[in-house]
Amino acid sequence: MQWGQVVTHDMSIQAGGAQSNCDVKSTTEVCDRAGDARINQNSGLTIFQTILLRKHNRLADTLPGLNPHYFDELLCQTRLINIAQYQYITYYEWLPLMLSAENILKNRLIYPVQGGRYVNDYDLTVEPHVLNSHASAAFRFFHSQIEGRLDLISEVRGLSGALRLSDLLHRPGIS
């Protein structure tokens, strides 16, 4: 492991271990652990958190080669880059699908930028906390968009089956 990486060994624990948010059927099933206790809630979150962890470690491996002086701030810079990439995906790829690109452009959630360009409209005077209306109402809308099943896709991109999410809740092992 390099300095700045997140530990990836021993990321799973046996049933009945320290993770109390795992509902396993036998002691041979494995629960994942991460900084977010919701890791075992559903397979989508497990996959998403694993991707973010691996991206973080790839950045931690890459940055020292680009600038050896990053060593002292490697962890902070790696974290900030990872968060920025996540925010870009959220605002420029996911939200346009959910709210339409026209609406989010009109409401200035995103800006029409061309390849390689960025917008720096950060304002220190804007309060960054989540609005109560968002936390109690608007965000619940997005939760209602979750289908009750997880489609299984084959290696040739065809549907090979489906699993009910209720059967997988807090059970990260897919049988």
C-alpha atoms as a PDB file:
ATOM      1  CA  MET A   1       0.000   0.000   0.000  1.00  0.00           C
ATOM      2  CA  GLN A   2       1.253   3.477  -0.905  1.00  0.00           C
ATOM      3  CA  TRP A   3       0.893   6.499   1.345  1.00  0.00           C
ATOM      4  CA  GLY A   4      -2.400   8.211   0.559  1.00  0.00           C
ATOM      5  CA  GLN A   5      -4.274   5.041  -0.377  1.00  0.00           C
ATOM      6  CA  VAL A   6      -7.335   3.772   1.413  1.00  0.00           C
ATOM      7  CA  VAL A   7      -6.784   0.321   2.920  1.00  0.00           C
ATOM      8  CA  THR A   8      -8.352  -2.322   0.670  1.00  0.00           C
ATOM      9  CA  HIS A   9      -7.255  -5.551   2.336  1.00  0.00           C
ATOM     10  CA  ASP A  10      -9.607  -7.086   4.854  1.00  0.00           C
ATOM     11  CA  MET A  11     -12.584  -5.157   3.446  1.00  0.00           C
ATOM     12  CA  SER A  12     -14.943  -8.056   4.167  1.00  0.00           C
ATOM     13  CA  ILE A  13     -15.790  -9.609   7.499  1.00  0.00           C
ATOM     14  CA  GLN A  14     -17.530 -12.810   8.412  1.00  0.00           C
ATOM     15  CA  ALA A  15     -21.166 -12.765   9.454  1.00  0.00           C
ATOM     16  CA  GLY A  16     -21.761 -11.699  13.034  1.00  0.00           C
ATOM     17  CA  GLY A  17     -18.684  -9.471  13.040  1.00  0.00           C
ATOM     18  CA  ALA A  18     -18.354  -5.752  13.601  1.00  0.00           C
ATOM     19  CA  GLN A  19     -20.854  -4.752  10.910  1.00  0.00           C
ATOM     20  CA  SER A  20     -24.282  -4.854  12.523  1.00  0.00           C
ATOM     21  CA  ASN A  21     -26.091  -3.751   9.366  1.00  0.00           C
ATOM     22  CA  CYS A  22     -25.754  -7.119   7.650  1.00  0.00           C
ATOM     23  CA  ASP A  23     -28.623  -9.618   7.613  1.00  0.00           C
ATOM     24  CA  VAL A  24     -26.977 -12.893   6.648  1.00  0.00           C
ATOM     25  CA  LYS A  25     -28.518 -16.341   6.466  1.00  0.00           C
ATOM     26  CA  SER A  26     -25.386 -18.320   7.345  1.00  0.00           C
ATOM     27  CA  THR A  27     -21.951 -17.793   8.883  1.00  0.00           C
ATOM     28  CA  THR A  28     -20.299 -18.372   5.505  1.00  0.00           C
ATOM     29  CA  GLU A  29     -21.791 -15.197   4.014  1.00  0.00           C
ATOM     30  CA  VAL A  30     -19.581 -12.121   3.971  1.00  0.00           C
ATOM     31  CA  CYS A  31     -20.446  -8.535   4.874  1.00  0.00           C
ATOM     32  CA  ASP A  32     -18.559  -5.636   3.331  1.00  0.00           C
ATOM     33  CA  ARG A  33     -17.241  -2.794   5.422  1.00  0.00           C
ATOM     34  CA  ALA A  34     -16.449   0.759   4.471  1.00  0.00           C
ATOM     35  CA  GLY A  35     -16.561   4.259   5.874  1.00  0.00           C
ATOM     36  CA  ASP A  36     -20.277   4.386   5.065  1.00  0.00           C
ATOM     37  CA  ALA A  37     -22.444   2.028   7.132  1.00  0.00           C
ATOM     38  CA  ARG A  38     -24.865   1.676   4.188  1.00  0.00           C
ATOM     39  CA  ILE A  39     -22.337  -0.418   2.227  1.00  0.00           C
ATOM     40  CA  ASN A  40     -24.403  -3.600   2.700  1.00  0.00           C
ATOM     41  CA  GLN A  41     -27.779  -1.971   2.118  1.00  0.00           C
ATOM     42  CA  ASN A  42     -27.930  -2.995  -1.525  1.00  0.00           C
ATOM     43  CA  SER A  43     -25.610  -4.206  -4.256  1.00  0.00           C
ATOM     44  CA  GLY A  44     -25.693  -0.864  -6.063  1.00  0.00           C
ATOM     45  CA  LEU A  45     -24.231   0.964  -3.062  1.00  0.00           C
ATOM     46  CA  THR A  46     -21.642  -1.773  -2.546  1.00  0.00           C
ATOM     47  CA  ILE A  47     -20.524  -1.471  -6.171  1.00  0.00           C
ATOM     48  CA  PHE A  48     -20.559   2.330  -6.106  1.00  0.00           C
ATOM     49  CA  GLN A  49     -18.481   2.569  -2.923  1.00  0.00           C
ATOM     50  CA  THR A  50     -16.015  -0.013  -4.256  1.00  0.00           C
ATOM     51  CA  ILE A  51     -15.580   1.991  -7.476  1.00  0.00           C
ATOM     52  CA  LEU A  52     -14.961   5.223  -5.542  1.00  0.00           C
ATOM     53  CA  LEU A  53     -12.418   3.492  -3.292  1.00  0.00           C
ATOM     54  CA  ARG A  54     -10.539   2.054  -6.280  1.00  0.00           C
ATOM     55  CA  LYS A  55     -10.579   5.415  -8.081  1.00  0.00           C
ATOM     56  CA  HIS A  56      -9.165   7.039  -4.950  1.00  0.00           C
ATOM     57  CA  ASN A  57      -6.297   4.549  -4.801  1.00  0.00           C
ATOM     58  CA  ARG A  58      -5.590   4.859  -8.549  1.00  0.00           C
ATOM     59  CA  LEU A  59      -5.283   8.626  -8.081  1.00  0.00           C
ATOM     60  CA  ALA A  60      -3.042   8.142  -5.030  1.00  0.00           C
ATOM     61  CA  ASP A  61      -0.770   5.983  -7.207  1.00  0.00           C
ATOM     62  CA  THR A  62      -0.779   8.439 -10.133  1.00  0.00           C
ATOM     63  CA  LEU A  63      -0.365  11.856  -8.473  1.00  0.00           C
ATOM     64  CA  PRO A  64       3.182  11.375  -7.078  1.00  0.00           C
ATOM     65  CA  GLY A  65       4.416  10.572 -10.585  1.00  0.00           C
ATOM     66  CA  LEU A  66       2.880  13.770 -11.945  1.00  0.00           C
ATOM     67  CA  ASN A  67       4.250  15.976  -9.191  1.00  0.00           C
ATOM     68  CA  PRO A  68       6.608  14.545  -6.535  1.00  0.00           C
ATOM     69  CA  HIS A  69       5.944  17.614  -4.353  1.00  0.00           C
ATOM     70  CA  TYR A  70       2.347  16.392  -3.803  1.00  0.00           C
ATOM     71  CA  PHE A  71       3.539  13.916  -1.186  1.00  0.00           C
ATOM     72  CA  ASP A  72       2.576  16.049   1.820  1.00  0.00           C
ATOM     73  CA  GLU A  73      -0.889  16.813   0.461  1.00  0.00           C
ATOM     74  CA  LEU A  74      -1.472  13.597  -1.441  1.00  0.00           C
ATOM     75  CA  LEU A  75      -4.370  12.324   0.658  1.00  0.00           C
ATOM     76  CA  CYS A  76      -6.193  15.670   0.592  1.00  0.00           C
ATOM     77  CA  GLN A  77      -5.659  16.216  -3.147  1.00  0.00           C
ATOM     78  CA  THR A  78      -6.694  12.642  -3.987  1.00  0.00           C
ATOM     79  CA  ARG A  79      -9.874  13.047  -1.947  1.00  0.00           C
ATOM     80  CA  LEU A  80     -10.716  16.407  -3.567  1.00  0.00           C
ATOM     81  CA  ILE A  81     -10.185  15.079  -7.100  1.00  0.00           C
ATOM     82  CA  ASN A  82     -12.327  12.023  -6.370  1.00  0.00           C
ATOM     83  CA  ILE A  83     -15.126  14.231  -4.976  1.00  0.00           C
ATOM     84  CA  ALA A  84     -14.904  16.558  -7.993  1.00  0.00           C
ATOM     85  CA  GLN A  85     -15.228  13.632 -10.408  1.00  0.00           C
ATOM     86  CA  TYR A  86     -18.230  12.312  -8.449  1.00  0.00           C
ATOM     87  CA  GLN A  87     -19.866  15.763  -8.520  1.00  0.00           C
ATOM     88  CA  TYR A  88     -19.251  16.071 -12.263  1.00  0.00           C
ATOM     89  CA  ILE A  89     -20.951  12.722 -12.893  1.00  0.00           C
ATOM     90  CA  THR A  90     -23.868  13.730 -10.652  1.00  0.00           C
ATOM     91  CA  TYR A  91     -24.451  17.166 -12.202  1.00  0.00           C
ATOM     92  CA  TYR A  92     -23.508  16.596 -15.837  1.00  0.00           C
ATOM     93  CA  GLU A  93     -24.614  13.003 -16.393  1.00  0.00           C
ATOM     94  CA  TRP A  94     -27.209  11.877 -13.810  1.00  0.00           C
ATOM     95  CA  LEU A  95     -29.216  15.068 -13.136  1.00  0.00           C
ATOM     96  CA  PRO A  96     -29.789  15.804 -16.851  1.00  0.00           C
ATOM     97  CA  LEU A  97     -31.380  12.358 -17.146  1.00  0.00           C
ATOM     98  CA  MET A  98     -33.594  12.931 -14.089  1.00  0.00           C
ATOM     99  CA  LEU A  99     -34.562  16.599 -14.486  1.00  0.00           C
ATOM    100  CA  SER A 100     -33.763  17.240 -18.180  1.00  0.00           C
ATOM    101  CA  ALA A 101     -30.733  19.145 -19.394  1.00  0.00           C
ATOM    102  CA  GLU A 102     -32.962  22.082 -20.343  1.00  0.00           C
ATOM    103  CA  ASN A 103     -34.237  22.500 -16.748  1.00  0.00           C
ATOM    104  CA  ILE A 104     -30.869  22.259 -15.074  1.00  0.00           C
ATOM    105  CA  LEU A 105     -29.303  24.674 -17.581  1.00  0.00           C
ATOM    106  CA  LYS A 106     -32.188  27.116 -17.092  1.00  0.00           C
ATOM    107  CA  ASN A 107     -31.800  26.939 -13.298  1.00  0.00           C
ATOM    108  CA  ARG A 108     -28.005  27.218 -13.525  1.00  0.00           C
ATOM    109  CA  LEU A 109     -27.240  23.875 -11.894  1.00  0.00           C
ATOM    110  CA  ILE A 110     -24.854  23.271 -14.797  1.00  0.00           C
ATOM    111  CA  TYR A 111     -23.353  25.476 -17.467  1.00  0.00           C
ATOM    112  CA  PRO A 112     -22.837  24.841 -21.189  1.00  0.00           C
ATOM    113  CA  VAL A 113     -19.068  24.199 -21.222  1.00  0.00           C
ATOM    114  CA  GLN A 114     -17.068  22.760 -24.087  1.00  0.00           C
ATOM    115  CA  GLY A 115     -14.423  20.012 -23.801  1.00  0.00           C
ATOM    116  CA  GLY A 116     -11.732  20.614 -21.205  1.00  0.00           C
ATOM    117  CA  ARG A 117     -13.234  23.878 -19.940  1.00  0.00           C
ATOM    118  CA  TYR A 118     -14.730  24.395 -16.514  1.00  0.00           C
ATOM    119  CA  VAL A 119     -16.771  26.927 -14.568  1.00  0.00           C
ATOM    120  CA  ASN A 120     -15.464  28.438 -11.363  1.00  0.00           C
ATOM    121  CA  ASP A 121     -18.476  30.119  -9.779  1.00  0.00           C
ATOM    122  CA  TYR A 122     -17.716  29.167  -6.201  1.00  0.00           C
ATOM    123  CA  ASP A 123     -19.145  31.702  -3.765  1.00  0.00           C
ATOM    124  CA  LEU A 124     -17.910  31.741  -0.152  1.00  0.00           C
ATOM    125  CA  THR A 125     -21.056  33.594   0.929  1.00  0.00           C
ATOM    126  CA  VAL A 126     -23.422  30.776  -0.108  1.00  0.00           C
ATOM    127  CA  GLU A 127     -24.543  28.554   2.769  1.00  0.00           C
ATOM    128  CA  PRO A 128     -23.583  24.948   1.794  1.00  0.00           C
ATOM    129  CA  HIS A 129     -25.896  23.038   4.151  1.00  0.00           C
ATOM    130  CA  VAL A 130     -28.681  20.856   2.809  1.00  0.00           C
ATOM    131  CA  LEU A 131     -32.033  22.603   2.831  1.00  0.00           C
ATOM    132  CA  ASN A 132     -34.678  20.967   4.991  1.00  0.00           C
ATOM    133  CA  SER A 133     -37.080  20.953   2.029  1.00  0.00           C
ATOM    134  CA  HIS A 134     -34.563  18.953   0.017  1.00  0.00           C
ATOM    135  CA  ALA A 135     -33.846  16.503   2.814  1.00  0.00           C
ATOM    136  CA  SER A 136     -37.508  15.848   3.580  1.00  0.00           C
ATOM    137  CA  ALA A 137     -39.208  16.048   0.192  1.00  0.00           C
ATOM    138  CA  ALA A 138     -37.178  16.498  -2.973  1.00  0.00           C
ATOM    139  CA  PHE A 139     -34.618  13.806  -2.231  1.00  0.00           C
ATOM    140  CA  ARG A 140     -37.410  11.335  -1.459  1.00  0.00           C
ATOM    141  CA  PHE A 141     -38.557  11.781  -5.057  1.00  0.00           C
ATOM    142  CA  PHE A 142     -35.286  10.279  -6.244  1.00  0.00           C
ATOM    143  CA  HIS A 143     -35.650   7.385  -3.819  1.00  0.00           C
ATOM    144  CA  SER A 144     -39.056   6.662  -5.344  1.00  0.00           C
ATOM    145  CA  GLN A 145     -37.360   6.205  -8.723  1.00  0.00           C
ATOM    146  CA  ILE A 146     -35.554   3.075  -7.537  1.00  0.00           C
ATOM    147  CA  GLU A 147     -37.074  -0.008  -9.103  1.00  0.00           C
ATOM    148  CA  GLY A 148     -37.900  -2.934  -6.861  1.00  0.00           C
ATOM    149  CA  ARG A 149     -35.561  -5.233  -8.732  1.00  0.00           C
ATOM    150  CA  LEU A 150     -31.964  -5.532  -9.804  1.00  0.00           C
ATOM    151  CA  ASP A 151     -31.613  -6.615 -13.419  1.00  0.00           C
ATOM    152  CA  LEU A 152     -28.775  -9.055 -14.036  1.00  0.00           C
ATOM    153  CA  ILE A 153     -26.928  -8.327 -17.266  1.00  0.00           C
ATOM    154  CA  SER A 154     -24.799 -10.934 -19.026  1.00  0.00           C
ATOM    155  CA  GLU A 155     -21.331 -10.347 -20.451  1.00  0.00           C
ATOM    156  CA  VAL A 156     -22.905  -9.809 -23.896  1.00  0.00           C
ATOM    157  CA  ARG A 157     -25.160  -7.084 -22.422  1.00  0.00           C
ATOM    158  CA  GLY A 158     -28.339  -9.137 -22.445  1.00  0.00           C
ATOM    159  CA  LEU A 159     -30.812  -9.519 -19.600  1.00  0.00           C
ATOM    160  CA  SER A 160     -30.070 -12.783 -17.806  1.00  0.00           C
ATOM    161  CA  GLY A 161     -32.501 -12.466 -14.906  1.00  0.00           C
ATOM    162  CA  ALA A 162     -33.616 -10.226 -12.072  1.00  0.00           C
ATOM    163  CA  LEU A 163     -33.481 -10.215  -8.284  1.00  0.00           C
ATOM    164  CA  ARG A 164     -35.910  -8.517  -5.915  1.00  0.00           C
ATOM    165  CA  LEU A 165     -34.161  -5.758  -3.964  1.00  0.00           C
ATOM    166  CA  SER A 166     -36.111  -6.693  -0.837  1.00  0.00           C
ATOM    167  CA  ASP A 167     -34.368 -10.092  -0.911  1.00  0.00           C
ATOM    168  CA  LEU A 168     -30.960  -8.390  -1.050  1.00  0.00           C
ATOM    169  CA  LEU A 169     -31.442  -5.684   1.589  1.00  0.00           C
ATOM    170  CA  HIS A 170     -28.427  -5.798   3.931  1.00  0.00           C
ATOM    171  CA  ARG A 171     -27.280  -9.049   2.264  1.00  0.00           C
ATOM    172  CA  PRO A 172     -24.358  -8.198  -0.035  1.00  0.00           C
ATOM    173  CA  GLY A 173     -23.832 -11.757  -1.261  1.00  0.00           C
ATOM    174  CA  ILE A 174     -25.825 -12.458  -4.430  1.00  0.00           C
ATOM    175  CA  SER A 175     -26.648 -16.159  -4.654  1.00  0.00           C
END
